[in-house]
Each structure stands twice: as structure tokens, then as C-alpha cells.
């Protein structure tokens, strides 16, 4: 990113998580984007207390939106190696009939209005 640095609250959630995870080596935050995506993927399924507190559908939509930011912040060397069509860690290819090239499909978005690439 060139120019004036963004304040932390202006960064995407996935970038903020990656930067937090790289606190010991802040210049290497892009290498932690996959870890941040894994954390967000785990958080996508709310627990019972979270479901009692709010709208589960809205929560999932918000996590899906955060996960779609993954490839925008991971660019460059040392960034996230996972690509759409792979699991969160980028280690296993997912069945082509289960996931299309749409990044929204990769993050398991189930609402048709959310499935825009």
C-alpha cells in the first residue's frame, strides 16, 4: 500500500486480524492472512450464546463479506497462497461441482443475492 497509511479501524477485518497475528514481526503480516481467514471461517458458525444475542443469518453474511476480502489484502510475495476452489489453508482442492470460480461460493454463501463475483 502506498501513500498515507490507513488507521487500523479503516482496514478490512481480515487485514486487522493478520496484522494482529503478526504483531511480533509486523512487516510480515501478509503471510498471516491465511491464518486470519481460518479464524474467520471458524467464527462463521455462531455458538448457542451468540445465536441468542443476535441474527445468525446476518452474522454469517458479515463473515462471508470479511472472507471475500482475503484476496484483496493477500497480494504480493509471502501472501496468502490459497485460492478460490481450495480449503481455508489452500492445501486441498475442493470438488469442482461443489465450488465454482465464484469467491462467494468458496466461502459457502447460501443467499443468492450474495453470490456476486
N, C-alpha and C. Protein backbone atom coordinates (compact mmCIF):
# COMPACT_ATOMS: atom_id res chain seq x y z
N UNK A 1 0.84 -1.17 0.00
CA UNK A 1 0.00 0.00 0.00
C UNK A 1 0.88 1.24 0.00
N UNK A 2 0.70 2.07 -0.95
CA UNK A 2 1.48 3.29 -1.00
C UNK A 2 0.71 4.43 -0.38
N UNK A 3 1.37 5.54 -0.22
CA UNK A 3 0.71 6.73 0.30
C UNK A 3 0.59 6.73 1.81
N UNK A 4 -0.39 7.45 2.31
CA UNK A 4 -0.60 7.59 3.74
C UNK A 4 -1.14 6.29 4.31
N UNK A 5 -0.54 5.78 5.39
CA UNK A 5 -1.04 4.54 5.98
C UNK A 5 -2.45 4.71 6.55
N UNK A 6 -3.26 3.66 6.42
CA UNK A 6 -4.60 3.67 6.96
C UNK A 6 -4.57 3.43 8.46
N UNK A 7 -5.49 4.04 9.17
CA UNK A 7 -5.64 3.73 10.59
C UNK A 7 -6.17 2.30 10.68
N UNK A 8 -5.85 1.62 11.76
CA UNK A 8 -6.23 0.22 11.89
C UNK A 8 -7.73 0.01 11.69
N UNK A 9 -8.57 0.89 12.22
CA UNK A 9 -10.01 0.70 12.09
C UNK A 9 -10.51 0.90 10.66
N UNK A 10 -9.70 1.47 9.78
CA UNK A 10 -10.08 1.66 8.37
C UNK A 10 -9.69 0.46 7.52
N UNK A 11 -8.93 -0.45 8.06
CA UNK A 11 -8.51 -1.64 7.32
C UNK A 11 -9.62 -2.69 7.37
N UNK A 12 -9.58 -3.64 6.43
CA UNK A 12 -10.55 -4.73 6.45
C UNK A 12 -10.32 -5.58 7.69
N UNK A 13 -11.35 -6.28 8.11
CA UNK A 13 -11.25 -7.13 9.29
C UNK A 13 -10.17 -8.19 9.12
N UNK A 14 -10.10 -8.78 7.94
CA UNK A 14 -9.11 -9.84 7.73
C UNK A 14 -7.68 -9.29 7.80
N UNK A 15 -7.48 -8.07 7.32
CA UNK A 15 -6.15 -7.46 7.43
C UNK A 15 -5.83 -7.12 8.88
N UNK A 16 -6.82 -6.61 9.62
CA UNK A 16 -6.59 -6.31 11.03
C UNK A 16 -6.21 -7.57 11.81
N UNK A 17 -6.91 -8.67 11.53
CA UNK A 17 -6.56 -9.93 12.19
C UNK A 17 -5.15 -10.38 11.82
N UNK A 18 -4.82 -10.31 10.53
CA UNK A 18 -3.48 -10.72 10.08
C UNK A 18 -2.40 -9.87 10.72
N UNK A 19 -2.63 -8.58 10.80
CA UNK A 19 -1.64 -7.70 11.44
C UNK A 19 -1.52 -8.00 12.92
N UNK A 20 -2.62 -8.32 13.57
CA UNK A 20 -2.57 -8.69 14.98
C UNK A 20 -1.77 -9.98 15.17
N UNK A 21 -2.01 -10.95 14.32
CA UNK A 21 -1.30 -12.23 14.40
C UNK A 21 0.19 -12.07 14.13
N UNK A 22 0.56 -11.05 13.36
CA UNK A 22 1.96 -10.81 13.02
C UNK A 22 2.59 -9.75 13.92
N UNK A 23 2.01 -9.52 15.08
CA UNK A 23 2.50 -8.45 15.96
C UNK A 23 3.99 -8.57 16.27
N UNK A 24 4.50 -9.78 16.38
CA UNK A 24 5.92 -9.97 16.66
C UNK A 24 6.82 -9.63 15.49
N UNK A 25 6.26 -9.61 14.28
CA UNK A 25 7.01 -9.30 13.06
C UNK A 25 6.07 -8.54 12.12
N UNK A 26 5.75 -7.29 12.44
CA UNK A 26 4.70 -6.56 11.73
C UNK A 26 4.88 -6.42 10.22
N UNK A 27 6.10 -6.49 9.73
CA UNK A 27 6.31 -6.38 8.28
C UNK A 27 5.89 -7.65 7.54
N UNK A 28 5.60 -8.71 8.25
CA UNK A 28 5.25 -9.99 7.64
C UNK A 28 3.77 -10.32 7.79
N UNK A 29 2.93 -9.31 7.97
CA UNK A 29 1.51 -9.54 8.21
C UNK A 29 0.82 -10.25 7.06
N UNK A 30 1.26 -10.01 5.81
CA UNK A 30 0.59 -10.66 4.67
C UNK A 30 0.73 -12.18 4.72
N UNK A 31 1.79 -12.65 5.33
CA UNK A 31 1.96 -14.09 5.50
C UNK A 31 1.01 -14.69 6.52
N UNK A 32 0.27 -13.86 7.23
CA UNK A 32 -0.67 -14.33 8.25
C UNK A 32 -2.13 -14.22 7.80
N UNK A 33 -2.36 -13.83 6.54
CA UNK A 33 -3.72 -13.69 6.04
C UNK A 33 -4.44 -15.04 6.04
N UNK A 34 -3.76 -16.12 5.68
CA UNK A 34 -4.39 -17.45 5.69
C UNK A 34 -4.82 -17.82 7.10
N UNK A 35 -4.00 -17.49 8.10
CA UNK A 35 -4.37 -17.76 9.48
C UNK A 35 -5.61 -16.94 9.88
N UNK A 36 -5.63 -15.69 9.47
CA UNK A 36 -6.78 -14.84 9.76
C UNK A 36 -8.04 -15.39 9.10
N UNK A 37 -7.93 -15.87 7.85
CA UNK A 37 -9.08 -16.45 7.16
C UNK A 37 -9.56 -17.70 7.87
N UNK A 38 -8.65 -18.50 8.37
CA UNK A 38 -9.03 -19.71 9.10
C UNK A 38 -9.81 -19.35 10.36
N UNK A 39 -9.36 -18.32 11.06
CA UNK A 39 -10.07 -17.88 12.27
C UNK A 39 -11.47 -17.41 11.90
N UNK A 40 -11.58 -16.62 10.84
CA UNK A 40 -12.90 -16.14 10.43
C UNK A 40 -13.80 -17.30 10.01
N UNK A 41 -13.24 -18.30 9.31
CA UNK A 41 -14.05 -19.44 8.88
C UNK A 41 -14.58 -20.20 10.09
N UNK A 42 -13.79 -20.31 11.14
CA UNK A 42 -14.25 -20.96 12.37
C UNK A 42 -15.36 -20.15 13.02
N UNK A 43 -15.22 -18.83 12.99
CA UNK A 43 -16.19 -17.95 13.63
C UNK A 43 -17.52 -17.88 12.87
N UNK A 44 -17.56 -18.37 11.64
CA UNK A 44 -18.76 -18.26 10.82
C UNK A 44 -19.95 -18.98 11.46
N UNK A 45 -19.69 -20.06 12.16
CA UNK A 45 -20.77 -20.80 12.82
C UNK A 45 -20.87 -20.33 14.27
N UNK A 46 -21.87 -19.51 14.57
CA UNK A 46 -22.00 -18.98 15.92
C UNK A 46 -22.37 -20.07 16.92
N UNK A 47 -21.96 -19.89 18.16
CA UNK A 47 -22.34 -20.83 19.21
C UNK A 47 -23.72 -20.45 19.75
N UNK A 48 -24.22 -21.22 20.69
CA UNK A 48 -25.58 -21.00 21.21
C UNK A 48 -25.74 -19.61 21.82
N UNK A 49 -24.77 -19.15 22.56
CA UNK A 49 -24.86 -17.82 23.18
C UNK A 49 -24.89 -16.71 22.13
N UNK A 50 -24.11 -16.88 21.07
CA UNK A 50 -24.10 -15.89 20.01
C UNK A 50 -25.45 -15.86 19.29
N UNK A 51 -26.03 -17.05 19.05
CA UNK A 51 -27.34 -17.11 18.38
C UNK A 51 -28.41 -16.43 19.23
N UNK A 52 -28.32 -16.57 20.55
CA UNK A 52 -29.29 -15.92 21.44
C UNK A 52 -29.15 -14.39 21.38
N UNK A 53 -27.95 -13.91 21.14
CA UNK A 53 -27.69 -12.47 21.16
C UNK A 53 -28.09 -11.75 19.89
N UNK A 54 -28.15 -12.46 18.76
CA UNK A 54 -28.42 -11.73 17.53
C UNK A 54 -28.80 -12.62 16.36
N UNK A 55 -28.87 -12.01 15.20
CA UNK A 55 -29.31 -12.64 13.96
C UNK A 55 -28.19 -13.49 13.36
N UNK A 56 -28.39 -14.79 13.37
CA UNK A 56 -27.39 -15.73 12.84
C UNK A 56 -27.16 -15.52 11.34
N UNK A 57 -28.21 -15.26 10.59
CA UNK A 57 -28.08 -15.05 9.14
C UNK A 57 -27.24 -13.81 8.85
N UNK A 58 -27.49 -12.76 9.59
CA UNK A 58 -26.72 -11.53 9.42
C UNK A 58 -25.25 -11.77 9.78
N UNK A 59 -25.01 -12.48 10.87
CA UNK A 59 -23.64 -12.79 11.29
C UNK A 59 -22.90 -13.54 10.18
N UNK A 60 -23.51 -14.58 9.63
CA UNK A 60 -22.86 -15.36 8.56
C UNK A 60 -22.58 -14.48 7.34
N UNK A 61 -23.50 -13.62 6.99
CA UNK A 61 -23.31 -12.72 5.85
C UNK A 61 -22.13 -11.78 6.10
N UNK A 62 -22.00 -11.32 7.34
CA UNK A 62 -20.88 -10.43 7.67
C UNK A 62 -19.55 -11.18 7.59
N UNK A 63 -19.50 -12.41 8.07
CA UNK A 63 -18.27 -13.21 8.00
C UNK A 63 -17.94 -13.51 6.54
N UNK A 64 -18.96 -13.86 5.74
CA UNK A 64 -18.73 -14.10 4.31
C UNK A 64 -18.12 -12.87 3.65
N UNK A 65 -18.64 -11.69 3.97
CA UNK A 65 -18.11 -10.45 3.39
C UNK A 65 -16.66 -10.26 3.80
N UNK A 66 -16.34 -10.53 5.05
CA UNK A 66 -14.95 -10.39 5.52
C UNK A 66 -14.04 -11.39 4.81
N UNK A 67 -14.50 -12.62 4.61
CA UNK A 67 -13.68 -13.64 3.95
C UNK A 67 -13.42 -13.30 2.48
N UNK A 68 -14.38 -12.65 1.82
CA UNK A 68 -14.17 -12.27 0.42
C UNK A 68 -13.05 -11.24 0.27
N UNK A 69 -12.69 -10.55 1.33
CA UNK A 69 -11.60 -9.58 1.29
C UNK A 69 -10.23 -10.24 1.22
N UNK A 70 -10.18 -11.53 1.47
CA UNK A 70 -8.91 -12.27 1.58
C UNK A 70 -7.95 -12.00 0.43
N UNK A 71 -8.42 -12.09 -0.79
CA UNK A 71 -7.51 -11.97 -1.93
C UNK A 71 -7.12 -10.53 -2.23
N UNK A 72 -7.89 -9.60 -1.74
CA UNK A 72 -7.54 -8.20 -1.95
C UNK A 72 -6.38 -7.78 -1.05
N UNK A 73 -6.29 -8.35 0.14
CA UNK A 73 -5.24 -7.94 1.07
C UNK A 73 -4.04 -8.86 1.05
N UNK A 74 -4.16 -10.03 0.43
CA UNK A 74 -3.09 -11.03 0.49
C UNK A 74 -2.07 -10.90 -0.64
N UNK A 75 -2.26 -9.99 -1.57
CA UNK A 75 -1.39 -9.90 -2.72
C UNK A 75 0.07 -9.69 -2.39
N UNK A 76 0.89 -10.01 -3.34
CA UNK A 76 2.33 -9.81 -3.16
C UNK A 76 3.03 -11.06 -2.64
N UNK A 77 4.34 -11.03 -2.69
CA UNK A 77 5.13 -12.16 -2.23
C UNK A 77 4.91 -12.39 -0.75
N UNK A 78 4.89 -13.66 -0.37
CA UNK A 78 4.70 -14.02 1.01
C UNK A 78 3.25 -13.93 1.45
N UNK A 79 2.36 -13.63 0.50
CA UNK A 79 0.95 -13.51 0.83
C UNK A 79 0.27 -14.86 0.91
N UNK A 80 -1.02 -14.82 0.96
CA UNK A 80 -1.86 -15.99 1.09
C UNK A 80 -1.78 -16.82 -0.19
N UNK A 81 -1.47 -18.09 -0.07
CA UNK A 81 -1.35 -18.95 -1.23
C UNK A 81 -2.67 -19.61 -1.62
N UNK A 82 -3.65 -19.62 -0.72
CA UNK A 82 -4.92 -20.26 -1.01
C UNK A 82 -5.65 -19.48 -2.09
N UNK A 83 -6.36 -20.18 -2.92
CA UNK A 83 -7.13 -19.58 -3.99
C UNK A 83 -8.54 -20.12 -3.94
N UNK A 84 -9.48 -19.44 -4.57
CA UNK A 84 -10.83 -19.98 -4.62
C UNK A 84 -10.80 -21.41 -5.18
N UNK A 85 -11.60 -22.28 -4.59
CA UNK A 85 -11.62 -23.67 -5.01
C UNK A 85 -10.75 -24.55 -4.14
N UNK A 86 -10.14 -23.97 -3.09
CA UNK A 86 -9.35 -24.75 -2.15
C UNK A 86 -9.90 -24.53 -0.75
N UNK A 87 -9.44 -25.36 0.18
CA UNK A 87 -9.87 -25.17 1.57
C UNK A 87 -9.22 -23.92 2.14
N UNK A 88 -9.54 -23.60 3.40
CA UNK A 88 -9.05 -22.36 4.00
C UNK A 88 -7.54 -22.25 4.00
N UNK A 89 -6.86 -23.37 4.14
CA UNK A 89 -5.40 -23.34 4.18
C UNK A 89 -4.77 -23.44 2.79
N UNK A 90 -5.58 -23.68 1.76
CA UNK A 90 -5.06 -23.80 0.42
C UNK A 90 -4.40 -25.14 0.16
N UNK A 91 -4.62 -26.10 1.05
CA UNK A 91 -3.93 -27.39 0.94
C UNK A 91 -4.68 -28.39 0.07
N UNK A 92 -6.01 -28.34 0.07
CA UNK A 92 -6.79 -29.35 -0.63
C UNK A 92 -7.72 -28.69 -1.63
N UNK A 93 -7.72 -29.23 -2.84
CA UNK A 93 -8.67 -28.76 -3.85
C UNK A 93 -10.05 -29.26 -3.48
N UNK A 94 -11.04 -28.42 -3.60
CA UNK A 94 -12.42 -28.82 -3.36
C UNK A 94 -13.02 -29.34 -4.65
N UNK A 95 -13.99 -30.21 -4.54
CA UNK A 95 -14.62 -30.82 -5.71
C UNK A 95 -15.19 -29.72 -6.60
N UNK A 96 -14.89 -29.77 -7.91
CA UNK A 96 -15.32 -28.69 -8.81
C UNK A 96 -16.83 -28.49 -8.88
N UNK A 97 -17.62 -29.55 -8.60
CA UNK A 97 -19.07 -29.38 -8.62
C UNK A 97 -19.57 -28.71 -7.34
N UNK A 98 -18.78 -28.74 -6.30
CA UNK A 98 -19.18 -28.14 -5.04
C UNK A 98 -18.84 -26.67 -4.95
N UNK A 99 -17.79 -26.25 -5.65
CA UNK A 99 -17.34 -24.86 -5.57
C UNK A 99 -16.98 -24.39 -6.97
N UNK A 100 -17.55 -23.27 -7.37
CA UNK A 100 -17.24 -22.69 -8.69
C UNK A 100 -16.09 -21.70 -8.53
N UNK A 101 -15.78 -20.97 -9.58
CA UNK A 101 -14.75 -19.95 -9.50
C UNK A 101 -15.23 -18.71 -8.75
N UNK A 102 -16.50 -18.68 -8.40
CA UNK A 102 -17.03 -17.55 -7.64
C UNK A 102 -16.49 -17.59 -6.22
N UNK A 103 -15.84 -16.52 -5.78
CA UNK A 103 -15.32 -16.48 -4.42
C UNK A 103 -16.44 -16.58 -3.40
N UNK A 104 -17.62 -16.13 -3.75
CA UNK A 104 -18.75 -16.25 -2.85
C UNK A 104 -19.10 -17.71 -2.62
N UNK A 105 -18.98 -18.55 -3.65
CA UNK A 105 -19.21 -19.98 -3.49
C UNK A 105 -18.15 -20.58 -2.58
N UNK A 106 -16.91 -20.11 -2.71
CA UNK A 106 -15.82 -20.67 -1.91
C UNK A 106 -16.05 -20.46 -0.43
N UNK A 107 -16.64 -19.35 -0.07
CA UNK A 107 -16.89 -19.07 1.34
C UNK A 107 -18.27 -19.57 1.77
N UNK A 108 -18.88 -20.40 0.94
CA UNK A 108 -20.13 -21.06 1.27
C UNK A 108 -21.26 -20.08 1.55
N UNK A 109 -21.41 -19.11 0.67
CA UNK A 109 -22.53 -18.16 0.77
C UNK A 109 -23.75 -18.87 0.22
N UNK A 110 -24.83 -18.84 0.96
CA UNK A 110 -26.02 -19.56 0.55
C UNK A 110 -27.13 -18.65 0.07
N UNK A 111 -27.02 -17.36 0.29
CA UNK A 111 -28.03 -16.43 -0.18
C UNK A 111 -27.73 -16.02 -1.61
N UNK A 112 -28.65 -16.25 -2.55
CA UNK A 112 -28.37 -15.94 -3.97
C UNK A 112 -27.93 -14.51 -4.20
N UNK A 113 -28.47 -13.52 -3.47
CA UNK A 113 -28.09 -12.13 -3.69
C UNK A 113 -26.64 -11.88 -3.29
N UNK A 114 -26.04 -12.74 -2.48
CA UNK A 114 -24.65 -12.59 -2.07
C UNK A 114 -23.68 -13.19 -3.08
N UNK A 115 -24.16 -13.98 -4.03
CA UNK A 115 -23.28 -14.71 -4.92
C UNK A 115 -22.89 -13.88 -6.14
N UNK A 116 -22.22 -12.78 -5.90
CA UNK A 116 -21.70 -11.97 -7.00
C UNK A 116 -20.19 -12.00 -6.93
N UNK A 117 -19.56 -12.20 -8.06
CA UNK A 117 -18.08 -12.29 -8.08
C UNK A 117 -17.45 -10.96 -8.15
